[in-house]
């Protein structure tokens, strides 16, 4: 069921699937991504595995509230409070949190700041590192690959001006971050981008989330204190968050389990969905 909920002083869109009596799984999307990027087949597979699934639009994305970042700057810690507010609104005492990319960073903050609300954490293609506010790249761990740096620079200096240019750019970006083990389906990606733009023609997510990540605290020592189960999923060919970030996450968190996704980049490959769902179900069982 789709609904609008109040959380941490703002209004967020969310949608739930399955039986609320089952263990809850909260899905947290990455930088600038809408909650619907967690596709329905993925959500349905988790429901078939006996989970109650919730996805939501983070602030500044989709149908959720936009924020004037200059007037009201925020961090990953604030976004973690947003996510906890979604649990509150749905009457969920605690949930298994699955965070993708920046969503994994939000999930880490949830586990640090609100440990009683997080049953387990799955940190998928994410990082324990922080973003340098000058370079907008990783502060201490290996940085983005040159091909990603180049396309990010292009976006900064010559941003798309028309709808068609925006779609083309996003398709090129998706191709750039796809691993060698995935057959790139341009038509499917183009449809997803078009659907996102139709659902929310404009938002500030990419810019504001980048600023939020750059203004957030170093979590590494805090992650050492986690006692909840942590699963680290990561593509071995990720050009945005190189695989070394996953290895560091697994090293920092006591008892964390690292599952390499061979040949996968910074993506959610449909062909590997079954494996990923199985890992999450086993982790949240």
C-alpha atoms as a PDB file:
ATOM      1  CA  UNK A   1       0.000   0.000   0.000  1.00  0.00           C
ATOM      2  CA  UNK A   2       1.282   3.459  -0.921  1.00  0.00           C
ATOM      3  CA  UNK A   3       1.065   6.196   1.676  1.00  0.00           C
ATOM      4  CA  UNK A   4       2.482   9.548   2.715  1.00  0.00           C
ATOM      5  CA  UNK A   5       3.882   9.640   6.258  1.00  0.00           C
ATOM      6  CA  UNK A   6       5.294  12.285   8.551  1.00  0.00           C
ATOM      7  CA  UNK A   7       8.847  11.600   9.643  1.00  0.00           C
ATOM      8  CA  UNK A   8      11.446  13.786  11.342  1.00  0.00           C
ATOM      9  CA  UNK A   9       9.528  16.956  10.447  1.00  0.00           C
ATOM     10  CA  UNK A  10       9.006  16.148   6.740  1.00  0.00           C
ATOM     11  CA  UNK A  11       6.599  14.128   4.606  1.00  0.00           C
ATOM     12  CA  UNK A  12       7.865  10.978   2.914  1.00  0.00           C
ATOM     13  CA  UNK A  13       6.312   8.610   0.386  1.00  0.00           C
ATOM     14  CA  UNK A  14       6.471   4.924   1.261  1.00  0.00           C
ATOM     15  CA  UNK A  15       4.975   1.640   0.159  1.00  0.00           C
ATOM     16  CA  UNK A  16       4.679  -1.666   1.975  1.00  0.00           C
ATOM     17  CA  UNK A  17       4.299  -5.225   0.694  1.00  0.00           C
ATOM     18  CA  UNK A  18       3.285  -8.425   2.451  1.00  0.00           C
ATOM     19  CA  UNK A  19       2.030  -9.307   5.903  1.00  0.00           C
ATOM     20  CA  UNK A  20       2.906  -6.868   8.728  1.00  0.00           C
ATOM     21  CA  UNK A  21       3.091  -9.861  11.051  1.00  0.00           C
ATOM     22  CA  UNK A  22       6.182 -11.102   9.199  1.00  0.00           C
ATOM     23  CA  UNK A  23       9.711  -9.834   9.953  1.00  0.00           C
ATOM     24  CA  UNK A  24      10.092  -6.336   8.496  1.00  0.00           C
ATOM     25  CA  UNK A  25      12.704  -5.423   5.888  1.00  0.00           C
ATOM     26  CA  UNK A  26      13.284  -1.701   5.270  1.00  0.00           C
ATOM     27  CA  UNK A  27      14.886  -0.912   1.894  1.00  0.00           C
ATOM     28  CA  UNK A  28      16.972   2.289   1.753  1.00  0.00           C
ATOM     29  CA  UNK A  29      17.961   3.532  -1.710  1.00  0.00           C
ATOM     30  CA  UNK A  30      21.154   5.343  -2.672  1.00  0.00           C
ATOM     31  CA  UNK A  31      22.144   8.825  -3.749  1.00  0.00           C
ATOM     32  CA  UNK A  32      19.363  10.565  -5.682  1.00  0.00           C
ATOM     33  CA  UNK A  33      17.496   7.289  -6.200  1.00  0.00           C
ATOM     34  CA  UNK A  34      13.766   6.882  -5.747  1.00  0.00           C
ATOM     35  CA  UNK A  35      12.320   4.147  -3.560  1.00  0.00           C
ATOM     36  CA  UNK A  36      10.847   2.544  -6.668  1.00  0.00           C
ATOM     37  CA  UNK A  37      14.401   1.711  -7.760  1.00  0.00           C
ATOM     38  CA  UNK A  38      13.822  -1.291  -5.505  1.00  0.00           C
ATOM     39  CA  UNK A  39      11.822  -3.017  -8.241  1.00  0.00           C
ATOM     40  CA  UNK A  40       8.591  -4.811  -7.450  1.00  0.00           C
ATOM     41  CA  UNK A  41       9.927  -8.226  -8.427  1.00  0.00           C
ATOM     42  CA  UNK A  42      12.696  -7.834  -5.828  1.00  0.00           C
ATOM     43  CA  UNK A  43      10.167  -6.782  -3.182  1.00  0.00           C
ATOM     44  CA  UNK A  44       7.841  -9.650  -4.156  1.00  0.00           C
ATOM     45  CA  UNK A  45      10.655 -12.198  -3.886  1.00  0.00           C
ATOM     46  CA  UNK A  46      11.361 -11.062  -0.333  1.00  0.00           C
ATOM     47  CA  UNK A  47       7.635 -11.244   0.485  1.00  0.00           C
ATOM     48  CA  UNK A  48       7.509 -14.795  -0.901  1.00  0.00           C
ATOM     49  CA  UNK A  49      10.366 -15.537   1.498  1.00  0.00           C
ATOM     50  CA  UNK A  50       8.192 -14.502   4.437  1.00  0.00           C
ATOM     51  CA  UNK A  51       9.212 -10.870   4.845  1.00  0.00           C
ATOM     52  CA  UNK A  52       7.164  -7.690   5.257  1.00  0.00           C
ATOM     53  CA  UNK A  53       8.863  -5.205   2.917  1.00  0.00           C
ATOM     54  CA  UNK A  54       8.903  -1.397   3.011  1.00  0.00           C
ATOM     55  CA  UNK A  55      10.453   0.916   0.423  1.00  0.00           C
ATOM     56  CA  UNK A  56      10.382   4.717   0.550  1.00  0.00           C
ATOM     57  CA  UNK A  57      11.500   7.881  -1.198  1.00  0.00           C
ATOM     58  CA  UNK A  58      14.257   9.570   0.805  1.00  0.00           C
ATOM     59  CA  UNK A  59      13.988  13.312   1.306  1.00  0.00           C
ATOM     60  CA  UNK A  60      14.665  15.227  -1.920  1.00  0.00           C
ATOM     61  CA  UNK A  61      13.644  12.283  -4.108  1.00  0.00           C
ATOM     62  CA  UNK A  62      10.481  11.017  -5.757  1.00  0.00           C
ATOM     63  CA  UNK A  63       7.264  12.121  -4.090  1.00  0.00           C
ATOM     64  CA  UNK A  64       8.835  12.963  -0.743  1.00  0.00           C
ATOM     65  CA  UNK A  65       9.490  16.508   0.455  1.00  0.00           C
ATOM     66  CA  UNK A  66      12.309  18.552  -1.005  1.00  0.00           C
ATOM     67  CA  UNK A  67      14.572  20.511   1.335  1.00  0.00           C
ATOM     68  CA  UNK A  68      16.389  23.819   0.926  1.00  0.00           C
ATOM     69  CA  UNK A  69      19.837  22.478   1.756  1.00  0.00           C
ATOM     70  CA  UNK A  70      21.384  25.926   2.175  1.00  0.00           C
ATOM     71  CA  UNK A  71      18.803  26.868   4.795  1.00  0.00           C
ATOM     72  CA  UNK A  72      18.502  23.408   6.344  1.00  0.00           C
ATOM     73  CA  UNK A  73      21.612  21.298   5.700  1.00  0.00           C
ATOM     74  CA  UNK A  74      21.445  17.660   6.709  1.00  0.00           C
ATOM     75  CA  UNK A  75      23.666  14.593   7.043  1.00  0.00           C
ATOM     76  CA  UNK A  76      23.458  10.814   6.886  1.00  0.00           C
ATOM     77  CA  UNK A  77      22.489  10.900  10.569  1.00  0.00           C
ATOM     78  CA  UNK A  78      19.433  13.020   9.737  1.00  0.00           C
ATOM     79  CA  UNK A  79      18.502  10.667   6.922  1.00  0.00           C
ATOM     80  CA  UNK A  80      18.783   7.759   9.367  1.00  0.00           C
ATOM     81  CA  UNK A  81      16.280   9.554  11.599  1.00  0.00           C
ATOM     82  CA  UNK A  82      14.000   9.921   8.559  1.00  0.00           C
ATOM     83  CA  UNK A  83      14.125   6.167   8.009  1.00  0.00           C
ATOM     84  CA  UNK A  84      13.379   5.437  11.666  1.00  0.00           C
ATOM     85  CA  UNK A  85      10.407   7.791  11.326  1.00  0.00           C
ATOM     86  CA  UNK A  86       9.056   5.600   8.512  1.00  0.00           C
ATOM     87  CA  UNK A  87       9.215   2.625  10.885  1.00  0.00           C
ATOM     88  CA  UNK A  88       7.376   4.684  13.513  1.00  0.00           C
ATOM     89  CA  UNK A  89       4.648   5.677  11.072  1.00  0.00           C
ATOM     90  CA  UNK A  90       4.040   2.054  10.096  1.00  0.00           C
ATOM     91  CA  UNK A  91       4.134   0.794  13.680  1.00  0.00           C
ATOM     92  CA  UNK A  92       7.295  -1.257  13.145  1.00  0.00           C
ATOM     93  CA  UNK A  93       9.331  -1.643  16.319  1.00  0.00           C
ATOM     94  CA  UNK A  94      12.470  -2.939  14.602  1.00  0.00           C
ATOM     95  CA  UNK A  95      13.420  -3.964  11.073  1.00  0.00           C
ATOM     96  CA  UNK A  96      16.111  -5.633   9.044  1.00  0.00           C
ATOM     97  CA  UNK A  97      17.681  -2.754   7.097  1.00  0.00           C
ATOM     98  CA  UNK A  98      18.968  -3.220   3.546  1.00  0.00           C
ATOM     99  CA  UNK A  99      20.792  -0.168   2.190  1.00  0.00           C
ATOM    100  CA  UNK A 100      22.181   0.239  -1.324  1.00  0.00           C
ATOM    101  CA  UNK A 101      25.133   2.569  -1.977  1.00  0.00           C
ATOM    102  CA  UNK A 102      24.469   5.771   0.016  1.00  0.00           C
ATOM    103  CA  UNK A 103      21.510   3.912   1.500  1.00  0.00           C
ATOM    104  CA  UNK A 104      24.033   1.585   3.114  1.00  0.00           C
ATOM    105  CA  UNK A 105      25.645   4.602   4.751  1.00  0.00           C
ATOM    106  CA  UNK A 106      22.224   5.649   6.054  1.00  0.00           C
ATOM    107  CA  UNK A 107      21.707   2.102   7.297  1.00  0.00           C
ATOM    108  CA  UNK A 108      25.051   2.216   9.105  1.00  0.00           C
ATOM    109  CA  UNK A 109      23.950   5.399  10.878  1.00  0.00           C
ATOM    110  CA  UNK A 110      20.650   3.736  11.804  1.00  0.00           C
ATOM    111  CA  UNK A 111      22.558   0.844  13.378  1.00  0.00           C
ATOM    112  CA  UNK A 112      24.877   3.233  15.241  1.00  0.00           C
ATOM    113  CA  UNK A 113      22.288   5.754  16.439  1.00  0.00           C
ATOM    114  CA  UNK A 114      19.188   3.553  16.765  1.00  0.00           C
ATOM    115  CA  UNK A 115      20.459   0.022  17.505  1.00  0.00           C
ATOM    116  CA  UNK A 116      17.190  -1.092  19.105  1.00  0.00           C
ATOM    117  CA  UNK A 117      15.367  -0.394  15.818  1.00  0.00           C
ATOM    118  CA  UNK A 118      17.741  -2.395  13.576  1.00  0.00           C
ATOM    119  CA  UNK A 119      17.580  -6.195  13.711  1.00  0.00           C
ATOM    120  CA  UNK A 120      20.297  -6.633  11.093  1.00  0.00           C
ATOM    121  CA  UNK A 121      22.068  -4.583   8.440  1.00  0.00           C
ATOM    122  CA  UNK A 122      22.787  -5.449   4.839  1.00  0.00           C
ATOM    123  CA  UNK A 123      25.285  -2.958   3.410  1.00  0.00           C
ATOM    124  CA  UNK A 124      25.137  -3.370  -0.372  1.00  0.00           C
ATOM    125  CA  UNK A 125      27.670  -1.648  -2.718  1.00  0.00           C
ATOM    126  CA  UNK A 126      28.287   0.828   0.113  1.00  0.00           C
ATOM    127  CA  UNK A 127      31.213   2.162   2.141  1.00  0.00           C
ATOM    128  CA  UNK A 128      32.345   2.891   5.692  1.00  0.00           C
ATOM    129  CA  UNK A 129      34.313   5.848   4.304  1.00  0.00           C
ATOM    130  CA  UNK A 130      33.288   9.499   4.068  1.00  0.00           C
ATOM    131  CA  UNK A 131      33.218  11.863   1.096  1.00  0.00           C
ATOM    132  CA  UNK A 132      35.767  14.655   0.758  1.00  0.00           C
ATOM    133  CA  UNK A 133      33.894  17.976   0.374  1.00  0.00           C
ATOM    134  CA  UNK A 134      36.552  19.354  -2.002  1.00  0.00           C
ATOM    135  CA  UNK A 135      37.077  16.445  -4.397  1.00  0.00           C
ATOM    136  CA  UNK A 136      33.647  14.832  -3.755  1.00  0.00           C
ATOM    137  CA  UNK A 137      35.494  11.524  -3.896  1.00  0.00           C
ATOM    138  CA  UNK A 138      36.266   9.060  -1.122  1.00  0.00           C
ATOM    139  CA  UNK A 139      38.391  10.515   1.645  1.00  0.00           C
ATOM    140  CA  UNK A 140      40.688   7.608   2.553  1.00  0.00           C
ATOM    141  CA  UNK A 141      39.755   4.447   0.616  1.00  0.00           C
ATOM    142  CA  UNK A 142      40.344   3.942  -3.141  1.00  0.00           C
ATOM    143  CA  UNK A 143      38.528   6.538  -5.237  1.00  0.00           C
ATOM    144  CA  UNK A 144      36.132   6.296  -8.126  1.00  0.00           C
ATOM    145  CA  UNK A 145      37.512   4.792 -11.300  1.00  0.00           C
ATOM    146  CA  UNK A 146      38.621   7.200 -14.066  1.00  0.00           C
ATOM    147  CA  UNK A 147      35.650   6.420 -16.285  1.00  0.00           C
ATOM    148  CA  UNK A 148      33.271   7.493 -13.514  1.00  0.00           C
ATOM    149  CA  UNK A 149      35.282  10.613 -12.715  1.00  0.00           C
ATOM    150  CA  UNK A 150      35.107  11.592 -16.390  1.00  0.00           C
ATOM    151  CA  UNK A 151      31.344  11.219 -16.693  1.00  0.00           C
ATOM    152  CA  UNK A 152      30.786  13.054 -13.390  1.00  0.00           C
ATOM    153  CA  UNK A 153      32.933  15.933 -14.664  1.00  0.00           C
ATOM    154  CA  UNK A 154      30.882  16.035 -17.837  1.00  0.00           C
ATOM    155  CA  UNK A 155      27.688  16.303 -15.812  1.00  0.00           C
ATOM    156  CA  UNK A 156      29.175  19.170 -13.801  1.00  0.00           C
ATOM    157  CA  UNK A 157      30.474  21.160 -16.768  1.00  0.00           C
ATOM    158  CA  UNK A 158      27.879  20.344 -19.438  1.00  0.00           C
ATOM    159  CA  UNK A 159      24.694  19.128 -17.760  1.00  0.00           C
ATOM    160  CA  UNK A 160      21.902  17.799 -19.971  1.00  0.00           C
ATOM    161  CA  UNK A 161      19.569  20.573 -21.119  1.00  0.00           C
ATOM    162  CA  UNK A 162      16.599  18.645 -22.460  1.00  0.00           C
ATOM    163  CA  UNK A 163      14.573  15.659 -21.358  1.00  0.00           C
ATOM    164  CA  UNK A 164      16.064  13.536 -24.136  1.00  0.00           C
ATOM    165  CA  UNK A 165      19.626  14.570 -23.234  1.00  0.00           C
ATOM    166  CA  UNK A 166      18.978  13.710 -19.589  1.00  0.00           C
ATOM    167  CA  UNK A 167      17.704  10.253 -20.483  1.00  0.00           C
ATOM    168  CA  UNK A 168      20.663   9.626 -22.787  1.00  0.00           C
ATOM    169  CA  UNK A 169      23.108  10.737 -20.098  1.00  0.00           C
ATOM    170  CA  UNK A 170      21.578   8.470 -17.452  1.00  0.00           C
ATOM    171  CA  UNK A 171      21.686   5.520 -19.853  1.00  0.00           C
ATOM    172  CA  UNK A 172      25.382   6.184 -20.527  1.00  0.00           C
ATOM    173  CA  UNK A 173      26.050   6.421 -16.792  1.00  0.00           C
ATOM    174  CA  UNK A 174      24.271   3.127 -16.176  1.00  0.00           C
ATOM    175  CA  UNK A 175      26.336   1.488 -18.918  1.00  0.00           C
ATOM    176  CA  UNK A 176      29.544   2.904 -17.405  1.00  0.00           C
ATOM    177  CA  UNK A 177      28.906   1.437 -13.953  1.00  0.00           C
ATOM    178  CA  UNK A 178      27.704  -1.984 -15.159  1.00  0.00           C
ATOM    179  CA  UNK A 179      30.087  -4.876 -14.566  1.00  0.00           C
ATOM    180  CA  UNK A 180      31.403  -7.271 -17.197  1.00  0.00           C
ATOM    181  CA  UNK A 181      29.238 -10.067 -15.809  1.00  0.00           C
ATOM    182  CA  UNK A 182      26.010  -8.256 -16.725  1.00  0.00           C
ATOM    183  CA  UNK A 183      24.507  -8.041 -20.201  1.00  0.00           C
ATOM    184  CA  UNK A 184      23.554  -4.365 -20.484  1.00  0.00           C
ATOM    185  CA  UNK A 185      19.890  -3.969 -21.495  1.00  0.00           C
ATOM    186  CA  UNK A 186      19.687  -0.435 -22.865  1.00  0.00           C
ATOM    187  CA  UNK A 187      15.955  -0.566 -23.600  1.00  0.00           C
ATOM    188  CA  UNK A 188      15.141  -1.659 -20.035  1.00  0.00           C
ATOM    189  CA  UNK A 189      17.390   1.029 -18.541  1.00  0.00           C
ATOM    190  CA  UNK A 190      15.866   3.678 -20.788  1.00  0.00           C
ATOM    191  CA  UNK A 191      12.374   2.671 -19.635  1.00  0.00           C
ATOM    192  CA  UNK A 192      13.424   2.889 -15.983  1.00  0.00           C
ATOM    193  CA  UNK A 193      14.884   6.370 -16.462  1.00  0.00           C
ATOM    194  CA  UNK A 194      11.766   7.537 -18.312  1.00  0.00           C
ATOM    195  CA  UNK A 195       9.545   6.157 -15.544  1.00  0.00           C
ATOM    196  CA  UNK A 196      11.595   7.939 -12.877  1.00  0.00           C
ATOM    197  CA  UNK A 197      11.305  11.248 -14.711  1.00  0.00           C
ATOM    198  CA  UNK A 198       7.589  10.807 -15.210  1.00  0.00           C
ATOM    199  CA  UNK A 199       7.061   9.983 -11.531  1.00  0.00           C
ATOM    200  CA  UNK A 200       9.140  12.913 -10.285  1.00  0.00           C
ATOM    201  CA  UNK A 201      10.152  15.369 -13.037  1.00  0.00           C
ATOM    202  CA  UNK A 202      12.576  17.255 -10.812  1.00  0.00           C
ATOM    203  CA  UNK A 203      14.149  16.864  -7.390  1.00  0.00           C
ATOM    204  CA  UNK A 204      17.310  17.886  -5.589  1.00  0.00           C
ATOM    205  CA  UNK A 205      18.366  14.419  -4.528  1.00  0.00           C
ATOM    206  CA  UNK A 206      21.614  14.015  -6.421  1.00  0.00           C
ATOM    207  CA  UNK A 207      23.008  17.405  -5.397  1.00  0.00           C
ATOM    208  CA  UNK A 208      21.709  17.488  -1.833  1.00  0.00           C
ATOM    209  CA  UNK A 209      22.578  13.885  -1.057  1.00  0.00           C
ATOM    210  CA  UNK A 210      26.118  14.518  -2.280  1.00  0.00           C
ATOM    211  CA  UNK A 211      26.386  17.513   0.039  1.00  0.00           C
ATOM    212  CA  UNK A 212      24.932  15.486   2.906  1.00  0.00           C
ATOM    213  CA  UNK A 213      27.466  12.707   2.367  1.00  0.00           C
ATOM    214  CA  UNK A 214      30.311  15.242   2.270  1.00  0.00           C
ATOM    215  CA  UNK A 215      29.127  16.818   5.523  1.00  0.00           C
ATOM    216  CA  UNK A 216      28.709  13.568   7.437  1.00  0.00           C
ATOM    217  CA  UNK A 217      30.924  12.199  10.190  1.00  0.00           C
ATOM    218  CA  UNK A 218      33.546   9.480  10.007  1.00  0.00           C
ATOM    219  CA  UNK A 219      31.789   6.259  11.069  1.00  0.00           C
ATOM    220  CA  UNK A 220      34.677   3.816  11.123  1.00  0.00           C
ATOM    221  CA  UNK A 221      35.383   3.706  14.855  1.00  0.00           C
ATOM    222  CA  UNK A 222      31.656   3.697  15.597  1.00  0.00           C
ATOM    223  CA  UNK A 223      31.160   0.719  13.285  1.00  0.00           C
ATOM    224  CA  UNK A 224      33.616  -1.280  15.377  1.00  0.00           C
ATOM    225  CA  UNK A 225      31.078  -1.148  18.201  1.00  0.00           C
ATOM    226  CA  UNK A 226      28.187  -2.734  16.298  1.00  0.00           C
ATOM    227  CA  UNK A 227      26.915  -6.011  17.713  1.00  0.00           C
ATOM    228  CA  UNK A 228      24.075  -6.749  15.273  1.00  0.00           C
ATOM    229  CA  UNK A 229      24.431  -9.131  12.298  1.00  0.00           C
ATOM    230  CA  UNK A 230      25.934  -7.392   9.248  1.00  0.00           C
ATOM    231  CA  UNK A 231      25.995  -8.680   5.675  1.00  0.00           C
ATOM    232  CA  UNK A 232      28.226  -6.912   3.150  1.00  0.00           C
ATOM    233  CA  UNK A 233      27.220  -7.420  -0.495  1.00  0.00           C
ATOM    234  CA  UNK A 234      29.479  -5.875  -3.121  1.00  0.00           C
ATOM    235  CA  UNK A 235      30.308  -6.171  -6.800  1.00  0.00           C
ATOM    236  CA  UNK A 236      33.921  -6.986  -7.513  1.00  0.00           C
ATOM    237  CA  UNK A 237      33.944  -4.512 -10.445  1.00  0.00           C
ATOM    238  CA  UNK A 238      32.227  -1.563  -8.750  1.00  0.00           C
ATOM    239  CA  UNK A 239      33.749   1.623 -10.273  1.00  0.00           C
ATOM    240  CA  UNK A 240      32.012   4.066  -7.895  1.00  0.00           C
ATOM    241  CA  UNK A 241      32.635   2.262  -4.593  1.00  0.00           C
ATOM    242  CA  UNK A 242      35.598  -0.024  -5.302  1.00  0.00           C
ATOM    243  CA  UNK A 243      35.574  -3.484  -3.741  1.00  0.00           C
ATOM    244  CA  UNK A 244      38.195  -2.447  -1.176  1.00  0.00           C
ATOM    245  CA  UNK A 245      35.432  -0.493   0.593  1.00  0.00           C
ATOM    246  CA  UNK A 246      33.529  -3.728   1.192  1.00  0.00           C
ATOM    247  CA  UNK A 247      36.637  -5.411   2.521  1.00  0.00           C
ATOM    248  CA  UNK A 248      37.175  -2.532   4.947  1.00  0.00           C
ATOM    249  CA  UNK A 249      33.537  -2.671   6.077  1.00  0.00           C
ATOM    250  CA  UNK A 250      33.838  -6.385   6.749  1.00  0.00           C
ATOM    251  CA  UNK A 251      37.095  -5.814   8.634  1.00  0.00           C
ATOM    252  CA  UNK A 252      35.667  -3.068  10.837  1.00  0.00           C
ATOM    253  CA  UNK A 253      32.400  -4.682  11.955  1.00  0.00           C
ATOM    254  CA  UNK A 254      32.816  -7.673  14.290  1.00  0.00           C
ATOM    255  CA  UNK A 255      31.394 -10.816  12.719  1.00  0.00           C
ATOM    256  CA  UNK A 256      30.388  -9.154   9.441  1.00  0.00           C
ATOM    257  CA  UNK A 257      30.031 -11.518   6.478  1.00  0.00           C
ATOM    258  CA  UNK A 258      31.299 -10.402   3.072  1.00  0.00           C
ATOM    259  CA  UNK A 259      29.705 -11.829  -0.080  1.00  0.00           C
ATOM    260  CA  UNK A 260      31.529 -10.781  -3.271  1.00  0.00           C
ATOM    261  CA  UNK A 261      29.336 -10.473  -6.369  1.00  0.00           C
ATOM    262  CA  UNK A 262      31.781 -11.484  -9.105  1.00  0.00           C
ATOM    263  CA  UNK A 263      31.590  -9.430 -12.289  1.00  0.00           C
ATOM    264  CA  UNK A 264      29.048  -7.001 -10.846  1.00  0.00           C
ATOM    265  CA  UNK A 265      29.540  -3.239 -10.914  1.00  0.00           C
ATOM    266  CA  UNK A 266      27.572  -0.505  -9.142  1.00  0.00           C
ATOM    267  CA  UNK A 267      24.233  -1.975 -10.107  1.00  0.00           C
ATOM    268  CA  UNK A 268      21.305  -4.176  -9.108  1.00  0.00           C
ATOM    269  CA  UNK A 269      21.521  -6.881 -11.784  1.00  0.00           C
ATOM    270  CA  UNK A 270      18.266  -8.725 -12.501  1.00  0.00           C
ATOM    271  CA  UNK A 271      20.210 -11.829 -13.479  1.00  0.00           C
ATOM    272  CA  UNK A 272      21.685 -12.042  -9.959  1.00  0.00           C
ATOM    273  CA  UNK A 273      18.490 -11.098  -8.127  1.00  0.00           C
ATOM    274  CA  UNK A 274      17.796 -14.663  -7.016  1.00  0.00           C
ATOM    275  CA  UNK A 275      21.211 -15.001  -5.402  1.00  0.00           C
ATOM    276  CA  UNK A 276      20.940 -11.614  -3.692  1.00  0.00           C
ATOM    277  CA  UNK A 277      17.450 -12.339  -2.362  1.00  0.00           C
ATOM    278  CA  UNK A 278      18.631 -15.701  -1.023  1.00  0.00           C
ATOM    279  CA  UNK A 279      21.529 -14.019   0.790  1.00  0.00           C
ATOM    280  CA  UNK A 280      19.211 -11.418   2.344  1.00  0.00           C
ATOM    281  CA  UNK A 281      16.626 -14.001   3.369  1.00  0.00           C
ATOM    282  CA  UNK A 282      19.316 -16.157   4.990  1.00  0.00           C
ATOM    283  CA  UNK A 283      20.730 -13.110   6.762  1.00  0.00           C
ATOM    284  CA  UNK A 284      17.345 -11.935   8.046  1.00  0.00           C
ATOM    285  CA  UNK A 285      16.007 -15.374   9.010  1.00  0.00           C
END
